Protein backbone atom coordinates (compact mmCIF):
# COMPACT_ATOMS: atom_id res chain seq x y z
CA MET A 1 33.55 -2.98 -4.14
CA ASN A 2 32.95 -3.71 -7.81
CA LYS A 3 34.08 -1.30 -10.48
CA LYS A 4 31.19 0.54 -12.11
CA PRO A 5 30.41 -0.80 -15.63
CA VAL A 6 31.17 1.25 -18.74
CA VAL A 7 28.15 2.56 -20.65
CA THR A 8 28.62 1.47 -24.26
CA GLY A 9 25.48 3.07 -25.64
CA VAL A 10 22.07 4.53 -24.84
CA GLU A 11 19.10 4.43 -27.22
CA THR A 12 15.63 5.87 -26.65
CA LEU A 13 13.04 3.18 -27.44
CA ALA A 14 9.88 5.16 -26.56
CA ARG A 15 8.90 8.52 -25.08
CA THR A 16 5.82 9.68 -23.17
CA ARG A 17 4.88 12.94 -21.52
CA ILE A 18 6.60 11.80 -18.31
CA PHE A 19 9.04 8.97 -19.14
CA ARG A 20 11.57 7.79 -21.66
CA VAL A 21 12.18 4.08 -22.16
CA GLU A 22 15.88 3.60 -22.86
CA GLN A 23 18.05 0.67 -23.78
CA ILE A 24 21.46 0.96 -22.14
CA GLY A 25 24.49 -1.11 -23.09
CA LEU A 26 26.94 -1.92 -20.31
CA ARG A 27 30.40 -3.55 -20.21
CA PHE A 28 31.31 -4.96 -16.81
CA ALA A 29 34.86 -5.20 -15.45
CA ASN A 30 34.94 -8.93 -16.26
CA GLY A 31 34.36 -8.12 -19.95
CA ARG A 32 30.74 -9.26 -20.09
CA GLU A 33 28.46 -6.99 -22.13
CA VAL A 34 24.74 -6.76 -21.46
CA SER A 35 21.79 -4.64 -22.49
CA TYR A 36 19.19 -3.34 -20.03
CA GLU A 37 15.99 -1.36 -20.43
CA ARG A 38 15.22 1.43 -18.02
CA LEU A 39 12.65 4.15 -17.45
CA LYS A 40 14.32 7.54 -17.44
CA SER A 41 12.40 10.30 -15.67
CA SER A 42 12.89 14.04 -15.37
CA ALA A 43 16.18 15.22 -13.92
CA GLY A 44 14.65 16.96 -10.89
CA GLY A 45 12.68 13.98 -9.70
CA ALA A 46 9.81 14.46 -7.27
CA VAL A 47 9.14 15.60 -3.74
CA LEU A 48 7.10 13.83 -1.09
CA ILE A 49 6.22 15.98 1.87
CA VAL A 50 5.49 15.05 5.49
CA PRO A 51 3.42 18.08 6.58
CA MET A 52 3.13 18.16 10.37
CA LEU A 53 0.07 20.12 11.50
CA ASP A 54 1.41 19.89 15.05
CA ALA A 55 3.99 17.75 16.88
CA GLY A 56 1.85 14.61 16.60
CA THR A 57 -0.42 15.10 13.56
CA VAL A 58 0.53 14.57 9.93
CA LEU A 59 -1.65 15.74 7.03
CA LEU A 60 -2.35 12.97 4.51
CA ILE A 61 -4.25 13.26 1.26
CA ARG A 62 -6.77 10.93 -0.35
CA GLU A 63 -6.65 11.12 -4.14
CA TYR A 64 -7.31 8.89 -7.11
CA ALA A 65 -4.33 6.73 -8.15
CA ALA A 66 -4.78 5.69 -11.80
CA GLY A 67 -2.07 3.02 -11.59
CA VAL A 68 -4.04 0.96 -9.06
CA GLU A 69 -7.49 2.31 -10.08
CA ARG A 70 -8.63 3.40 -6.61
CA TYR A 71 -8.36 6.22 -4.11
CA GLU A 72 -5.16 6.04 -2.11
CA LEU A 73 -4.32 7.61 1.27
CA ALA A 74 -0.77 8.95 1.14
CA LEU A 75 1.45 11.96 1.66
CA PRO A 76 1.32 14.91 -0.74
CA LYS A 77 3.81 14.67 -3.59
CA GLY A 78 4.66 16.09 -6.96
CA ARG A 79 7.25 16.78 -9.59
CA VAL A 80 10.16 19.18 -9.08
CA GLU A 81 9.68 21.67 -11.92
CA GLU A 82 12.59 22.95 -14.00
CA GLY A 83 14.44 25.73 -12.18
CA GLU A 84 12.81 24.85 -8.85
CA SER A 85 14.68 23.62 -5.77
CA VAL A 86 13.48 20.61 -3.79
CA ILE A 87 12.39 22.92 -0.95
CA GLU A 88 10.51 25.28 -3.29
CA ALA A 89 8.76 22.33 -4.94
CA ALA A 90 7.78 20.88 -1.55
CA ASN A 91 6.26 24.14 -0.35
CA ARG A 92 4.38 24.64 -3.65
CA GLU A 93 3.00 21.10 -3.57
CA ILE A 94 1.64 21.33 -0.01
CA MET A 95 0.01 24.68 -0.85
CA GLU A 96 -1.65 23.05 -3.87
CA GLU A 97 -2.60 19.75 -2.25
CA VAL A 98 -3.24 20.43 1.45
CA GLY A 99 -3.83 24.19 1.59
CA TYR A 100 -0.84 25.02 3.79
CA GLY A 101 2.61 26.48 3.37
CA ALA A 102 5.48 25.77 5.75
CA ARG A 103 7.92 28.10 7.44
CA GLN A 104 10.32 25.22 8.14
CA LEU A 105 11.13 22.69 5.41
CA THR A 106 13.87 20.08 5.80
CA HIS A 107 15.01 17.67 3.10
CA PHE A 108 15.89 14.54 5.09
CA LYS A 109 16.32 11.71 2.56
CA SER A 110 16.10 10.82 -1.12
CA VAL A 111 14.72 7.43 -2.12
CA THR A 112 14.39 5.45 -5.34
CA LEU A 113 11.86 2.96 -6.68
CA ALA A 114 13.09 -0.18 -8.45
CA PRO A 115 16.54 1.35 -9.11
CA GLY A 116 17.49 -1.50 -11.45
CA TYR A 117 14.91 -0.24 -13.94
CA PHE A 118 13.82 3.25 -12.96
CA SER A 119 16.01 6.36 -12.68
CA HIS A 120 13.45 8.33 -10.65
CA ALA A 121 14.37 9.83 -7.26
CA THR A 122 11.87 11.10 -4.69
CA HIS A 123 13.11 13.71 -2.21
CA LEU A 124 11.50 13.42 1.23
CA VAL A 125 10.83 16.75 2.95
CA LEU A 126 9.60 17.39 6.49
CA ALA A 127 7.32 20.46 6.66
CA ARG A 128 6.69 22.14 10.02
CA ASP A 129 5.31 25.42 11.31
CA LEU A 130 2.44 25.32 8.82
CA TYR A 131 0.26 28.31 7.91
CA PRO A 132 -2.91 28.35 5.77
CA GLU A 133 -2.22 29.10 2.09
CA ARG A 134 -3.90 27.55 -0.91
CA ARG A 135 -2.61 27.62 -4.48
CA ASP A 136 -4.24 26.16 -7.56
CA GLY A 137 -2.67 22.92 -8.74
CA ASP A 138 -3.13 20.54 -11.63
CA GLU A 139 -5.40 18.07 -9.84
CA PRO A 140 -8.60 17.14 -11.70
CA GLU A 141 -10.71 17.19 -8.50
CA ALA A 142 -10.47 18.52 -4.97
CA ILE A 143 -8.12 16.47 -2.80
CA GLU A 144 -9.40 15.33 0.59
CA VAL A 145 -7.00 16.23 3.43
CA VAL A 146 -6.91 13.70 6.28
CA PRO A 147 -5.20 14.63 9.57
CA TRP A 148 -3.65 11.49 11.09
CA PRO A 149 -1.97 10.97 14.49
CA LEU A 150 1.62 9.86 13.91
CA ASP A 151 1.38 7.54 16.91
CA ARG A 152 -1.31 5.53 15.00
CA LEU A 153 1.06 4.63 12.16
CA ALA A 154 0.49 0.87 12.47
CA GLU A 155 -3.27 1.40 12.13
CA LEU A 156 -2.71 3.56 9.04
CA CYS A 157 -0.51 0.93 7.40
CA ALA A 158 -3.20 -1.72 7.99
CA LEU A 159 -5.70 0.20 5.83
CA GLU A 160 -6.28 -1.20 2.33
CA GLU A 161 -6.12 2.31 0.87
CA CYS A 162 -2.64 2.99 2.30
CA THR A 163 -0.11 1.13 0.13
CA GLU A 164 2.11 3.86 -1.31
CA ALA A 165 5.56 2.65 -0.19
CA ARG A 166 7.30 6.04 -0.33
CA SER A 167 4.69 7.50 2.04
CA ILE A 168 4.94 4.58 4.44
CA ALA A 169 8.76 4.78 4.47
CA ALA A 170 8.73 8.56 5.00
CA LEU A 171 6.28 8.29 7.90
CA PHE A 172 8.39 5.66 9.67
CA LEU A 173 11.55 7.73 9.11
CA VAL A 174 9.91 10.84 10.56
CA ARG A 175 8.46 8.92 13.50
CA ASP A 176 11.96 7.61 14.28
CA LEU A 177 13.47 11.07 13.78
CA PHE A 178 11.03 12.51 16.32
CA ALA A 179 11.79 9.66 18.73
CA GLY A 180 15.54 10.40 18.46
CA LYS A 181 16.30 7.20 16.55
CA GLY A 182 17.08 8.83 13.21
């Protein structure tokens, strides 16, 4: 295994409400020095929740995704607020986005997106034993909740409006977990 490079400097190039663009200097074990740019996100990351209405039905949401300029069918997700645990954030987000809380929440994996450039981590949480509870969130419009049979995962992935990779990965992981493969 290679020795981790030494960080020789970090400079903030730009800052937004959500991200910081940083330039990071690195010195590798072979003496080579390079400079990379990366997006630095909040320390807590985000949660993505797999809310199971029953043993075979997951609750998806359809909401506008500004990055791709269309409505996207995906799992509920959101930022982990300062002072909040992953489990607390997951329960808050499903109350805000799908109108349910969960009596059983299990963090089963953390994933990254483009880890060469982006420091963000998303914590995947399985939510079971749901009960109705709605909280106000920060969404600009009501979110449509779409119950989906987990055994129709291939059909879901074939839809043009279902492209969010974290949701697809989480659904396959949960399906395998339920089948005893995970």
